[in-house]
Protein backbone atom coordinates (compact mmCIF):
# COMPACT_ATOMS: atom_id res chain seq x y z
CA MET A 1 0.41 -0.22 -0.22
CA ILE A 2 1.58 3.25 -0.82
CA PHE A 3 0.41 6.20 1.85
CA SER A 4 1.03 9.87 1.25
CA CYS A 5 0.09 13.00 1.86
CA TRP A 6 0.82 16.85 1.45
CA CYS A 7 2.54 19.14 4.60
CA SER A 8 1.85 22.53 3.61
CA ILE A 9 5.08 24.69 4.18
CA VAL A 10 3.78 29.30 3.99
CA GLY A 11 5.85 31.04 2.79
CA ALA A 12 8.90 29.42 0.99
CA HIS A 13 10.95 30.89 -1.17
CA ASN A 14 10.87 29.31 -4.76
CA HIS A 15 11.29 29.26 -8.58
CA ASP A 16 7.58 29.71 -9.06
CA LYS A 17 7.36 32.73 -5.80
CA ASP A 18 3.88 31.94 -4.80
CA THR A 19 2.70 32.00 -0.72
CA GLY A 20 3.52 28.21 -0.21
CA PHE A 21 3.76 25.41 -1.34
CA GLY A 22 3.33 21.21 -0.33
CA ILE A 23 5.87 19.06 0.13
CA LYS A 24 4.59 15.67 -0.48
CA VAL A 25 5.11 12.52 1.70
CA THR A 26 4.22 9.02 0.69
CA SER A 27 5.28 6.35 2.54
CA LEU A 28 6.23 3.36 -0.17
CA GLY A 29 6.93 0.93 3.02
CA GLU A 30 9.76 -0.58 5.53
CA ASN A 31 10.07 2.39 6.22
CA ILE A 32 11.29 4.24 2.39
CA PHE A 33 9.95 7.16 1.89
CA GLU A 34 9.23 9.32 -1.27
CA LEU A 35 9.34 13.87 -0.61
CA ARG A 36 8.59 15.72 -3.88
CA THR A 37 7.99 19.28 -3.80
CA ASP A 38 7.42 19.34 -7.51
CA ARG A 39 9.96 22.39 -7.34
CA SER A 40 12.79 19.86 -7.63
CA GLY A 41 14.51 15.97 -7.77
CA ASN A 42 11.84 13.75 -6.12
CA VAL A 43 13.59 12.93 -2.52
CA ALA A 44 13.86 9.18 -0.94
CA VAL A 45 14.53 8.92 2.46
CA LEU A 46 15.40 5.58 4.04
CA ILE A 47 14.67 5.34 8.28
CA GLY A 48 15.40 2.99 10.32
CA GLN A 49 17.71 2.59 13.86
CA ASP A 50 21.56 2.66 11.44
CA GLY A 51 20.64 5.87 11.10
CA VAL A 52 18.55 8.02 7.76
CA PHE A 53 20.06 7.49 4.32
CA MET A 54 19.19 9.47 2.02
CA VAL A 55 18.51 10.38 -2.53
CA ASP A 56 19.10 13.56 -3.93
CA THR A 57 19.38 16.91 -1.72
CA GLN A 58 17.43 19.39 -3.59
CA MET A 59 18.16 23.63 -3.93
CA GLU A 60 19.65 25.14 -0.51
CA HIS A 61 16.11 27.21 -0.36
CA LEU A 62 14.30 23.63 -0.40
CA VAL A 63 16.73 21.96 2.59
CA GLU A 64 15.97 22.67 5.50
CA LEU A 65 12.18 21.87 4.88
CA ILE A 66 13.26 18.92 2.99
CA ASP A 67 15.79 17.96 6.69
CA SER A 68 12.85 19.09 8.60
CA GLU A 69 10.07 16.82 6.79
CA GLN A 70 12.48 13.53 7.06
CA LYS A 71 12.87 14.27 10.70
CA LYS A 72 9.34 13.87 11.68
CA LEU A 73 9.54 10.40 10.40
CA SER A 74 12.41 9.40 11.42
CA ASN A 75 11.59 10.50 15.11
CA ASN A 76 14.69 13.75 14.88
CA GLN A 77 17.62 11.99 13.80
CA GLU A 78 20.24 13.49 11.53
CA VAL A 79 20.75 12.33 7.38
CA LYS A 80 23.67 9.41 7.97
CA LEU A 81 24.28 8.82 4.57
CA ILE A 82 23.19 10.35 1.21
CA LEU A 83 23.45 9.52 -2.73
CA ASN A 84 23.86 11.49 -5.44
CA THR A 85 21.59 10.51 -8.39
CA HIS A 86 23.58 12.50 -10.35
CA PHE A 87 24.90 16.42 -10.50
CA HIS A 88 22.42 18.41 -11.57
CA ARG A 89 21.81 21.17 -8.70
CA ASP A 90 18.63 20.25 -8.18
CA HIS A 91 19.52 17.40 -6.80
CA VAL A 92 23.03 18.46 -4.88
CA ARG A 93 22.28 21.88 -3.89
CA GLY A 94 21.17 20.42 -0.67
CA ASN A 95 24.83 18.28 0.52
CA ALA A 96 26.66 21.37 1.92
CA TYR A 97 23.94 21.65 3.78
CA PHE A 98 23.76 17.78 5.16
CA LYS A 99 27.42 17.87 5.95
CA LYS A 100 27.54 20.37 7.73
CA ARG A 101 25.61 18.23 10.08
CA GLY A 102 27.43 14.69 9.46
CA ALA A 103 26.80 13.51 6.27
CA LEU A 104 28.78 11.28 4.18
CA VAL A 105 27.93 11.82 0.36
CA MET A 106 28.37 9.58 -1.91
CA ALA A 107 27.95 9.63 -6.20
CA HIS A 108 29.10 8.26 -9.02
CA PRO A 109 32.93 9.55 -9.61
CA ASN A 110 31.93 11.80 -12.94
CA VAL A 111 29.81 13.29 -10.51
CA ARG A 112 32.10 15.28 -8.39
CA ARG A 113 34.32 15.87 -11.60
CA TYR A 114 31.78 18.00 -13.92
CA LEU A 115 30.77 19.80 -10.09
CA GLU A 116 34.86 20.52 -9.81
CA LYS A 117 35.06 21.42 -13.89
CA PRO A 118 31.11 22.53 -14.43
CA LYS A 119 30.01 22.73 -18.11
CA ALA A 120 27.73 25.58 -19.90
CA ILE A 121 24.07 24.01 -20.81
CA LYS A 122 23.95 25.29 -24.56
CA MET A 123 20.24 23.54 -24.70
CA LEU A 124 19.12 25.91 -22.10
CA ASN A 125 21.33 28.53 -22.56
CA ARG A 126 22.56 28.72 -19.14
CA THR A 127 26.28 29.21 -18.11
CA ALA A 128 28.40 26.86 -16.50
CA PRO A 129 26.90 27.23 -12.44
CA LEU A 130 29.40 27.28 -9.71
CA PHE A 131 29.88 24.93 -7.04
CA THR A 132 32.84 25.06 -3.93
CA PRO A 133 34.12 21.49 -2.60
CA GLU A 134 31.16 21.64 0.09
CA TYR A 135 28.70 20.78 -2.50
CA TYR A 136 30.93 17.67 -3.67
CA PRO A 137 30.25 14.11 -2.58
CA THR A 138 32.98 12.31 -0.73
CA ILE A 139 32.56 8.66 -1.26
CA ASP A 140 32.95 7.11 -5.26
CA VAL A 141 30.02 4.40 -5.73
CA THR A 142 28.92 2.71 -8.93
CA THR A 143 27.62 -0.46 -10.08
CA GLY A 144 28.28 -3.65 -8.62
CA THR A 145 28.80 -1.15 -5.13
CA SER A 146 26.12 -2.73 -2.33
CA ILE A 147 25.27 -0.97 1.16
CA LYS A 148 23.94 -2.89 4.01
CA MET A 149 21.45 -0.79 6.36
CA ASN A 150 18.08 -0.34 8.41
CA GLY A 151 17.20 -3.97 6.84
CA GLN A 152 17.61 -2.75 3.42
CA THR A 153 20.09 -4.79 0.53
CA ILE A 154 20.56 -1.12 -1.85
CA LYS A 155 22.21 -1.44 -4.86
CA LEU A 156 23.44 1.16 -6.96
CA TYR A 157 23.45 0.67 -11.38
CA HIS A 158 25.54 3.76 -13.74
CA THR A 159 23.60 3.87 -16.73
CA PRO A 160 26.22 5.94 -19.39
CA ASN A 161 25.53 8.67 -21.03
CA ALA A 162 22.11 8.52 -20.68
CA HIS A 163 20.53 11.48 -18.45
CA THR A 164 23.65 13.07 -17.99
CA ASN A 165 27.09 10.16 -18.02
CA SER A 166 26.54 10.98 -14.05
CA ASP A 167 23.43 8.74 -13.15
CA LEU A 168 23.25 6.14 -10.70
CA PHE A 169 20.00 4.54 -10.06
CA VAL A 170 18.85 3.30 -6.28
CA VAL A 171 17.44 -0.19 -5.58
CA PHE A 172 16.12 -1.12 -2.45
CA GLU A 173 16.06 -4.94 -2.78
CA GLN A 174 13.53 -5.49 0.02
CA ALA A 175 11.94 -3.36 -0.21
CA ASN A 176 10.96 -3.30 -3.98
CA VAL A 177 11.38 0.43 -3.99
CA ILE A 178 13.68 1.94 -7.28
CA HIS A 179 14.61 5.85 -7.13
CA ALA A 180 15.67 6.50 -10.89
CA GLY A 181 16.78 9.64 -10.48
CA ASP A 182 16.28 11.82 -13.44
CA LEU A 183 16.78 8.41 -16.15
CA VAL A 184 12.52 9.17 -15.04
CA PHE A 185 10.41 11.76 -16.13
CA ASN A 186 7.50 10.40 -15.31
CA ARG A 187 4.35 11.53 -17.78
CA ARG A 188 6.16 14.10 -19.36
CA PHE A 189 9.11 14.70 -21.80
CA PRO A 190 12.71 13.93 -20.59
CA PHE A 191 15.58 17.09 -20.18
CA ILE A 192 18.42 15.00 -21.39
CA ASP A 193 21.62 16.64 -20.86
CA ILE A 194 23.33 16.27 -24.54
CA ASP A 195 26.29 19.18 -23.20
CA ASN A 196 26.75 16.78 -19.93
CA GLY A 197 27.41 13.25 -21.56
CA GLY A 198 23.79 12.61 -21.87
CA SER A 199 22.05 11.58 -25.23
CA VAL A 200 18.76 9.87 -26.25
CA ALA A 201 20.40 6.57 -26.95
CA GLY A 202 21.78 5.79 -23.81
CA TYR A 203 18.50 7.54 -21.77
CA ILE A 204 16.51 5.06 -23.83
CA ALA A 205 19.10 2.69 -22.19
CA GLY A 206 18.56 3.65 -19.10
CA ILE A 207 15.16 2.92 -18.19
CA LYS A 208 15.62 -0.16 -20.21
CA LYS A 209 17.97 -1.36 -17.57
CA ILE A 210 15.49 -0.36 -15.06
CA ILE A 211 13.32 -2.58 -16.07
CA ASP A 212 15.40 -5.15 -16.15
CA VAL A 213 15.82 -4.99 -12.65
CA ALA A 214 12.06 -4.11 -11.69
CA ASN A 215 8.76 -6.15 -11.48
CA ALA A 216 5.55 -5.33 -11.80
CA ASP A 217 5.45 -4.79 -8.12
CA THR A 218 7.63 -2.42 -8.41
CA LYS A 219 7.43 1.43 -6.74
CA ILE A 220 10.10 3.23 -9.13
CA ILE A 221 10.68 7.00 -7.69
CA ALA A 222 10.73 9.53 -10.83
CA GLY A 223 13.47 12.21 -10.80
CA HIS A 224 10.42 14.34 -11.76
CA GLY A 225 6.82 13.37 -11.34
CA PRO A 226 4.68 10.89 -9.46
CA ILE A 227 5.14 7.14 -8.68
CA ALA A 228 6.55 5.63 -11.94
CA SER A 229 5.34 2.01 -12.90
CA ILE A 230 6.74 -0.35 -15.93
CA ALA A 231 3.54 0.74 -18.09
CA ASP A 232 4.94 4.35 -17.46
CA LEU A 233 8.75 3.85 -18.43
CA THR A 234 7.75 1.59 -21.28
CA ALA A 235 5.26 4.50 -22.82
CA SER A 236 8.21 7.36 -21.73
CA ILE A 237 10.18 4.97 -24.28
CA THR A 238 8.60 4.34 -27.05
CA MET A 239 8.07 7.92 -27.35
CA LEU A 240 11.23 8.48 -26.65
CA SER A 241 12.19 6.25 -29.78
CA GLU A 242 8.91 7.31 -31.58
CA THR A 243 9.61 11.09 -31.76
CA HIS A 244 13.56 10.49 -32.38
CA ALA A 245 12.88 8.56 -35.62
CA ILE A 246 10.68 11.49 -36.48
CA ILE A 247 13.40 14.81 -36.17
CA LYS A 248 16.21 11.36 -37.79
CA GLU A 249 14.08 11.70 -40.91
CA LEU A 250 13.81 15.40 -41.34
CA VAL A 251 16.69 15.44 -40.37
CA LYS A 252 18.17 13.52 -42.84
CA LYS A 253 16.28 15.85 -46.00
CA GLY A 254 18.16 18.07 -45.21
CA LEU A 255 15.95 21.04 -43.13
CA SER A 256 17.40 22.95 -40.48
CA LEU A 257 16.15 23.25 -37.17
CA GLU A 258 14.12 26.03 -37.79
CA ALA A 259 12.52 24.82 -40.68
CA ILE A 260 11.83 21.91 -38.82
CA LYS A 261 10.25 24.09 -36.02
CA ALA A 262 8.05 25.54 -38.43
CA LEU A 263 6.84 22.05 -39.48
CA ALA A 264 5.73 21.02 -35.63
CA PRO A 265 6.49 17.48 -36.34
CA LEU A 266 5.98 16.51 -32.37
CA LYS A 267 2.03 18.71 -32.12
CA SER A 268 0.67 14.81 -31.62
CA TYR A 269 2.47 14.69 -28.95
CA THR A 270 1.91 18.06 -26.44
CA LYS A 271 -1.05 17.32 -25.03
CA LYS A 272 -0.10 13.95 -23.29
CA TRP A 273 3.74 15.26 -22.65
CA ASN A 274 5.16 18.51 -22.76
CA TRP A 275 5.20 20.67 -19.34
CA ALA A 276 6.41 24.10 -17.77
CA PHE A 277 10.07 23.09 -18.19
CA ILE A 278 10.48 20.38 -21.52
CA SER A 279 7.93 21.89 -23.81
CA THR A 280 7.09 20.05 -27.43
CA GLU A 281 10.22 22.59 -28.90
CA ARG A 282 12.33 21.76 -26.46
CA MET A 283 11.77 18.32 -26.61
CA LEU A 284 12.38 18.56 -30.54
CA ILE A 285 15.50 20.60 -30.01
CA THR A 286 16.76 17.83 -27.78
CA HIS A 287 16.55 15.54 -30.42
CA TYR A 288 18.17 17.46 -33.25
CA TYR A 289 21.03 18.74 -31.00
CA ASP A 290 21.25 15.13 -29.97
CA ILE A 291 21.63 14.26 -33.84
CA THR A 292 23.46 16.69 -35.58
CA GLY A 293 25.85 17.92 -32.50
CA LYS A 294 23.77 21.79 -33.51
CA LEU A 295 21.58 24.18 -31.80
CA GLU A 296 20.86 26.09 -35.46
């Protein structure tokens, strides 16, 4: 059974500048909870006598709210161990806060490399962000890492050149729960960071790897969006494969990016997949950039 509730946070600073928003707390069984704000990447916590294990840490202006919520669940424990699923700021900007309180932070080795030498995200017209050492992970982990904590065997899997080239997804074996990181944008177009090692083919392969590890009863925490199922992941693969093929065919015909945009070839996908961050046009640009290496 999945139990969820919205805990209202009033007066918090957030990207939409509204007067308040909620942290949605979803119990996934065996003391695993999803903490979701819809302002940053979804957080997971595993609570128990061994300490609090957290997956991803969100942003500076949200981290105290996330910590307050997990302390309600953990009887006021500090977070002991953190896993960053990748290096993007909405998944690591809470690291400094928790490290000051004694937490150890694990991530794929490429997370630290990207944080030490960040690159611009040209597709989003963003300059390279600044990360100082207090945000850096302290332990390198990758496929094959196994952690025993709070009655769970936690296994990590690296999927190369997917959302980025630093992605890990997290499997809580006994609970049959997966935190997919940004390998899953559930029921919406995904952001694939071509500038930082991501690729459409790698992203699809990453989703397929999650499906290989999961089963029909697995509860999959998305990086963004609601709890996902294998059916949701399969739908994402189908959408990405179809839209990529459409843009690839137009590129083969010699059309420029602007000419392809004018045709609006992905408009039939808008109703189901379009959202504020990755619009239908931005998904089109992602495919074009992936295929050609160009943004014009």
